[in-house]
N, C-alpha and C. Protein backbone atom coordinates (compact mmCIF):
# COMPACT_ATOMS: atom_id res chain seq x y z
N UNK A 1 -5.34 -15.31 12.65
CA UNK A 1 -5.35 -14.11 11.70
C UNK A 1 -6.23 -14.65 10.35
N UNK A 2 -7.17 -13.16 10.20
CA UNK A 2 -8.25 -13.49 8.80
C UNK A 2 -7.41 -13.92 7.84
N UNK A 3 -8.28 -14.53 6.89
CA UNK A 3 -7.64 -15.31 5.43
C UNK A 3 -8.20 -13.87 4.78
N UNK A 4 -6.92 -14.22 3.77
CA UNK A 4 -7.57 -12.63 2.17
C UNK A 4 -8.56 -13.46 1.55
N UNK A 5 -9.59 -12.17 1.45
CA UNK A 5 -10.70 -12.49 0.66
C UNK A 5 -10.56 -12.26 -1.09
N UNK A 6 -9.81 -11.43 -1.02
CA UNK A 6 -9.60 -11.09 -2.36
C UNK A 6 -8.09 -11.27 -2.84
N UNK A 7 -8.06 -11.63 -4.21
CA UNK A 7 -7.33 -12.00 -5.19
C UNK A 7 -5.59 -10.64 -4.79
N UNK A 8 -4.71 -10.74 -5.33
CA UNK A 8 -3.65 -10.01 -5.45
C UNK A 8 -3.31 -10.06 -6.51
N UNK A 9 -3.13 -8.64 -7.43
CA UNK A 9 -1.85 -8.72 -8.47
C UNK A 9 -1.08 -7.79 -8.03
N UNK A 10 -0.47 -8.11 -8.86
CA UNK A 10 0.81 -7.15 -8.80
C UNK A 10 1.12 -5.81 -9.62
N UNK A 11 1.22 -4.97 -8.71
CA UNK A 11 0.98 -3.85 -9.61
C UNK A 11 1.77 -2.71 -9.00
N UNK A 12 2.80 -1.88 -9.70
CA UNK A 12 3.65 -0.85 -9.21
C UNK A 12 3.29 0.51 -9.73
N UNK A 13 2.70 1.08 -8.62
CA UNK A 13 2.47 2.77 -8.60
C UNK A 13 2.75 3.65 -7.42
N UNK A 14 3.52 4.71 -7.95
CA UNK A 14 3.87 5.67 -7.35
C UNK A 14 3.36 5.76 -5.97
N UNK A 15 3.59 5.50 -4.75
CA UNK A 15 2.47 5.96 -3.56
C UNK A 15 3.43 7.13 -2.79
N UNK A 16 2.20 7.98 -1.63
CA UNK A 16 2.82 8.29 -0.75
C UNK A 16 2.27 8.23 0.57
N UNK A 17 2.83 8.00 1.53
CA UNK A 17 2.32 7.89 2.69
C UNK A 17 2.71 8.16 3.94
N UNK A 18 1.54 8.69 4.85
CA UNK A 18 2.15 9.60 6.02
C UNK A 18 1.90 9.02 6.99
N UNK A 19 2.67 9.07 8.08
CA UNK A 19 2.91 8.02 9.38
C UNK A 19 3.26 9.13 10.57
N UNK A 20 2.59 9.25 11.59
CA UNK A 20 3.18 10.18 12.21
C UNK A 20 4.01 11.46 11.96
N UNK A 21 3.18 12.08 11.02
CA UNK A 21 3.27 13.65 10.39
C UNK A 21 4.98 13.25 9.47
N UNK A 22 5.31 12.26 9.54
CA UNK A 22 5.91 12.70 8.44
C UNK A 22 5.45 11.59 6.77
N UNK A 23 6.19 11.99 5.68
CA UNK A 23 5.90 12.21 4.48
C UNK A 23 6.74 10.48 3.80
N UNK A 24 6.49 9.64 2.83
CA UNK A 24 7.39 8.77 2.45
C UNK A 24 6.64 8.99 1.32
N UNK A 25 7.83 8.38 0.11
CA UNK A 25 7.81 8.19 -1.50
C UNK A 25 8.15 6.57 -1.61
N UNK A 26 7.09 5.65 -2.51
CA UNK A 26 7.45 4.47 -2.59
C UNK A 26 6.57 4.19 -3.66
N UNK A 27 6.31 2.86 -3.81
CA UNK A 27 5.73 1.84 -4.68
C UNK A 27 4.90 1.25 -4.17
N UNK A 28 3.86 0.86 -4.88
CA UNK A 28 2.91 -0.37 -4.51
C UNK A 28 3.82 -1.56 -5.12
N UNK A 29 3.10 -2.58 -4.33
CA UNK A 29 3.97 -4.27 -5.11
C UNK A 29 3.00 -4.75 -5.36
N UNK A 30 1.59 -5.07 -4.41
CA UNK A 30 0.42 -5.69 -5.30
C UNK A 30 -0.63 -4.88 -4.37
N UNK A 31 -1.84 -4.96 -5.06
CA UNK A 31 -3.21 -4.23 -4.72
C UNK A 31 -4.60 -5.50 -5.11
N UNK A 32 -4.83 -5.12 -4.25
CA UNK A 32 -6.38 -5.96 -4.40
C UNK A 32 -7.51 -5.13 -3.92
N UNK A 33 -8.60 -5.80 -3.75
CA UNK A 33 -9.73 -4.59 -3.56
C UNK A 33 -9.82 -3.83 -2.56
N UNK A 34 -9.51 -4.42 -1.56
CA UNK A 34 -9.53 -4.18 0.45
C UNK A 34 -7.96 -3.32 0.75
N UNK A 35 -6.58 -4.01 0.07
CA UNK A 35 -5.65 -3.52 0.52
C UNK A 35 -4.83 -3.31 -0.41
N UNK A 36 -3.48 -2.73 0.39
CA UNK A 36 -2.38 -3.12 -0.53
C UNK A 36 -0.91 -3.42 0.21
N UNK A 37 0.28 -4.03 -1.08
CA UNK A 37 1.25 -3.98 -0.36
C UNK A 37 2.34 -2.91 -0.65
N UNK A 38 2.77 -1.78 0.53
CA UNK A 38 3.95 -0.74 0.02
C UNK A 38 4.91 -1.54 0.22
N UNK A 39 6.09 -1.45 -0.89
CA UNK A 39 7.21 -1.51 -0.67
C UNK A 39 7.89 -0.45 -0.01
N UNK A 40 8.46 -0.27 1.21
CA UNK A 40 9.19 0.48 1.57
C UNK A 40 10.28 -0.10 2.55
N UNK A 41 11.79 1.20 2.03
CA UNK A 41 12.72 1.16 3.48
C UNK A 41 12.17 1.09 4.50
N UNK A 42 10.87 1.67 4.86
CA UNK A 42 10.52 2.50 6.34
C UNK A 42 9.07 1.99 6.40
N UNK A 43 8.96 0.66 6.47
CA UNK A 43 7.93 0.03 7.25
C UNK A 43 7.76 0.24 8.45
N UNK A 44 5.90 0.77 8.54
CA UNK A 44 5.71 1.04 10.03
C UNK A 44 4.98 0.13 10.84
N UNK A 45 5.14 0.23 12.46
CA UNK A 45 4.76 -0.84 12.84
C UNK A 45 2.95 -1.33 12.99
N UNK A 46 2.63 -2.55 12.94
CA UNK A 46 1.74 -2.90 12.57
C UNK A 46 0.42 -2.26 13.55
N UNK A 47 -0.72 -2.45 13.65
CA UNK A 47 -1.73 -2.03 14.10
C UNK A 47 -1.95 -0.47 14.38
N UNK A 48 -1.13 0.57 13.23
CA UNK A 48 -1.30 1.69 13.66
C UNK A 48 -2.13 2.26 11.82
N UNK A 49 -2.64 3.47 12.12
CA UNK A 49 -3.32 3.77 11.10
C UNK A 49 -2.69 4.57 9.95
N UNK A 50 -2.69 4.99 8.89
CA UNK A 50 -1.95 5.34 7.72
C UNK A 50 -2.60 6.12 6.72
N UNK A 51 -2.06 7.22 6.40
CA UNK A 51 -2.80 7.60 5.01
C UNK A 51 -1.93 7.66 4.02
N UNK A 52 -2.69 6.85 2.45
CA UNK A 52 -1.72 7.00 1.55
C UNK A 52 -2.38 7.49 0.27
N UNK A 53 -1.69 7.98 -0.46
CA UNK A 53 -1.76 8.77 -1.96
C UNK A 53 -1.21 8.09 -2.84
N UNK A 54 -2.16 7.55 -3.88
CA UNK A 54 -1.42 6.74 -4.83
C UNK A 54 -2.15 7.73 -6.35
N UNK A 55 -1.05 7.36 -7.08
CA UNK A 55 -0.72 8.37 -8.55
C UNK A 55 -1.06 7.40 -9.44
N UNK A 56 -2.30 7.80 -9.83
CA UNK A 56 -2.31 6.64 -11.80
C UNK A 56 -2.97 7.71 -12.42
N UNK A 57 -2.68 7.65 -13.68
CA UNK A 57 -3.16 8.63 -14.96
C UNK A 57 -3.90 9.84 -14.57
N UNK A 58 -3.11 10.97 -13.94
CA UNK A 58 -2.96 11.64 -13.28
C UNK A 58 -4.11 12.27 -12.53
N UNK A 59 -4.54 11.21 -11.98
CA UNK A 59 -5.42 11.62 -10.66
C UNK A 59 -4.90 10.91 -9.76
N UNK A 60 -4.88 11.33 -8.46
CA UNK A 60 -4.71 11.02 -7.33
C UNK A 60 -5.54 10.47 -6.26
N UNK A 61 -5.59 9.53 -5.69
CA UNK A 61 -6.30 8.80 -5.06
C UNK A 61 -5.80 8.64 -3.46
N UNK A 62 -6.37 9.17 -2.38
CA UNK A 62 -6.17 9.44 -1.35
C UNK A 62 -7.58 8.56 -0.47
N UNK A 63 -6.58 7.69 -0.07
CA UNK A 63 -6.94 6.58 0.76
C UNK A 63 -6.78 6.55 2.69
N UNK A 64 -7.48 5.95 3.43
CA UNK A 64 -7.05 5.35 4.72
C UNK A 64 -6.59 4.24 5.10
N UNK A 65 -5.93 3.76 6.02
CA UNK A 65 -5.94 2.15 5.85
C UNK A 65 -5.28 1.83 7.44
N UNK A 66 -4.98 0.49 7.46
CA UNK A 66 -4.71 -0.06 8.88
C UNK A 66 -3.31 -0.56 8.39
N UNK A 67 -2.47 -0.51 9.19
CA UNK A 67 -1.34 -1.94 8.63
C UNK A 67 -1.59 -3.07 9.45
N UNK A 68 -1.94 -4.00 9.01
CA UNK A 68 -1.67 -5.06 9.09
C UNK A 68 -0.30 -5.85 9.90
N UNK A 69 0.53 -5.55 8.89
CA UNK A 69 1.86 -6.45 9.40
C UNK A 69 2.77 -5.33 8.56
N UNK A 70 4.24 -5.42 9.04
CA UNK A 70 5.55 -4.97 8.08
C UNK A 70 6.18 -5.88 8.38
N UNK A 71 7.33 -5.69 7.38
CA UNK A 71 8.55 -6.46 7.39
C UNK A 71 9.72 -5.58 7.03
N UNK A 72 10.57 -5.59 7.60
CA UNK A 72 12.01 -4.51 7.40
C UNK A 72 12.82 -5.65 6.49
N UNK A 73 13.68 -4.73 5.56
CA UNK A 73 13.96 -5.26 4.56
C UNK A 73 15.47 -6.45 5.03
N UNK A 74 15.53 -7.17 4.39
CA UNK A 74 16.75 -8.04 5.44
C UNK A 74 17.96 -7.80 4.80
N UNK A 75 18.29 -6.90 3.50
CA UNK A 75 19.45 -6.50 2.92
C UNK A 75 19.20 -5.18 2.64
N UNK A 76 19.71 -4.01 3.45
CA UNK A 76 19.32 -2.65 3.09
C UNK A 76 20.29 -2.38 2.21
N UNK A 77 21.60 -3.14 1.59
CA UNK A 77 22.10 -2.76 0.78
C UNK A 77 22.21 -3.32 -0.13
N UNK A 78 20.81 -3.91 -0.86
CA UNK A 78 20.37 -4.42 -1.85
C UNK A 78 19.72 -3.32 -2.74
N UNK A 79 19.94 -3.64 -4.06
CA UNK A 79 19.37 -2.06 -5.16
C UNK A 79 17.72 -2.98 -5.10
N UNK A 80 17.51 -3.96 -4.75
CA UNK A 80 16.03 -4.42 -4.84
C UNK A 80 15.93 -5.24 -3.28
N UNK A 81 14.29 -3.84 -3.15
CA UNK A 81 13.94 -4.36 -1.43
C UNK A 81 13.15 -5.01 -1.52
N UNK A 82 12.85 -6.05 -0.30
CA UNK A 82 11.89 -6.72 -0.03
C UNK A 82 10.97 -6.19 1.18
N UNK A 83 11.33 -5.53 1.78
CA UNK A 83 10.70 -4.58 3.10
C UNK A 83 9.40 -3.87 2.65
N UNK A 84 8.83 -4.27 3.60
CA UNK A 84 7.46 -3.25 3.29
C UNK A 84 6.22 -3.61 4.24
N UNK A 85 4.86 -3.29 4.16
CA UNK A 85 3.64 -3.52 5.14
C UNK A 85 2.48 -3.77 3.83
N UNK A 86 1.98 -4.15 4.64
CA UNK A 86 0.46 -4.95 4.27
C UNK A 86 -0.40 -4.19 4.81
N UNK A 87 -1.18 -3.39 4.15
CA UNK A 87 -2.42 -2.19 4.18
C UNK A 87 -3.73 -2.87 4.39
N UNK A 88 -4.47 -2.69 4.98
CA UNK A 88 -6.11 -2.78 5.34
C UNK A 88 -6.58 -1.50 4.52
N UNK A 89 -7.11 -1.52 3.76
CA UNK A 89 -7.73 -0.25 3.49
C UNK A 89 -8.93 -0.16 4.10
N UNK A 90 -9.47 1.03 4.69
CA UNK A 90 -10.35 1.41 5.27
C UNK A 90 -11.37 2.13 4.80
N UNK A 91 -11.10 2.85 3.71
CA UNK A 91 -11.89 3.28 2.56
C UNK A 91 -11.99 2.95 0.92
N UNK A 92 -12.15 1.74 1.13
CA UNK A 92 -11.58 1.09 -0.38
C UNK A 92 -12.96 1.26 -1.04
N UNK A 93 -14.16 1.19 -0.98
CA UNK A 93 -15.11 1.88 -1.44
C UNK A 93 -15.19 3.10 -2.12
N UNK A 94 -14.12 3.88 -2.18
CA UNK A 94 -14.10 5.29 -3.16
C UNK A 94 -14.06 4.72 -4.74
N UNK A 95 -15.13 4.96 -4.97
CA UNK A 95 -14.98 5.05 -6.89
C UNK A 95 -13.89 4.47 -7.47
N UNK A 96 -12.98 6.16 -7.45
CA UNK A 96 -11.64 6.09 -8.06
C UNK A 96 -10.90 5.22 -7.77
N UNK A 97 -10.73 4.34 -6.01
CA UNK A 97 -10.04 3.24 -6.02
C UNK A 97 -10.76 1.79 -6.71
N UNK A 98 -11.63 1.71 -6.42
CA UNK A 98 -12.28 0.61 -7.19
C UNK A 98 -12.78 0.65 -8.67
N UNK A 99 -12.06 1.61 -9.26
CA UNK A 99 -12.45 1.49 -10.67
C UNK A 99 -10.83 1.27 -11.46
N UNK A 100 -9.60 1.51 -10.06
CA UNK A 100 -8.31 1.57 -10.67
C UNK A 100 -8.31 -0.14 -10.25
N UNK A 101 -8.60 -0.66 -9.08
CA UNK A 101 -8.80 -2.25 -9.04
C UNK A 101 -9.70 -3.06 -10.39
N UNK A 102 -10.85 -2.70 -10.69
CA UNK A 102 -11.46 -3.36 -11.71
C UNK A 102 -10.54 -3.37 -13.03
N UNK A 103 -9.82 -2.46 -13.29
CA UNK A 103 -8.81 -2.21 -14.74
C UNK A 103 -7.76 -3.31 -14.51
N UNK A 104 -7.12 -3.67 -13.00
CA UNK A 104 -6.17 -4.34 -13.25
C UNK A 104 -6.64 -5.98 -13.60
N UNK A 105 -7.97 -6.54 -13.12
CA UNK A 105 -8.33 -7.57 -13.06
C UNK A 105 -9.23 -8.10 -14.52
């Protein structure tokens, strides 16, 4: 497995992702220049493509990604969920995304 190239920053932003014709609302757990961890009760299977929308400061950032790994929540009855998926962004060079990430560092 490839080692991470970028530092991750904990950041909670509203996110919507689309997989297999279905839309899911969730939040980011952390972000880097090239990837996002999405906290969700509905992680998608690794190896699949995914479309993502991040809402930040009255702007919507639309991204495409590839699911590198996913983990179901170990306790679905808990109020704090740990499940989610790691997404490698395919179009991370988008200026609006890079601007958002640069603000975090």
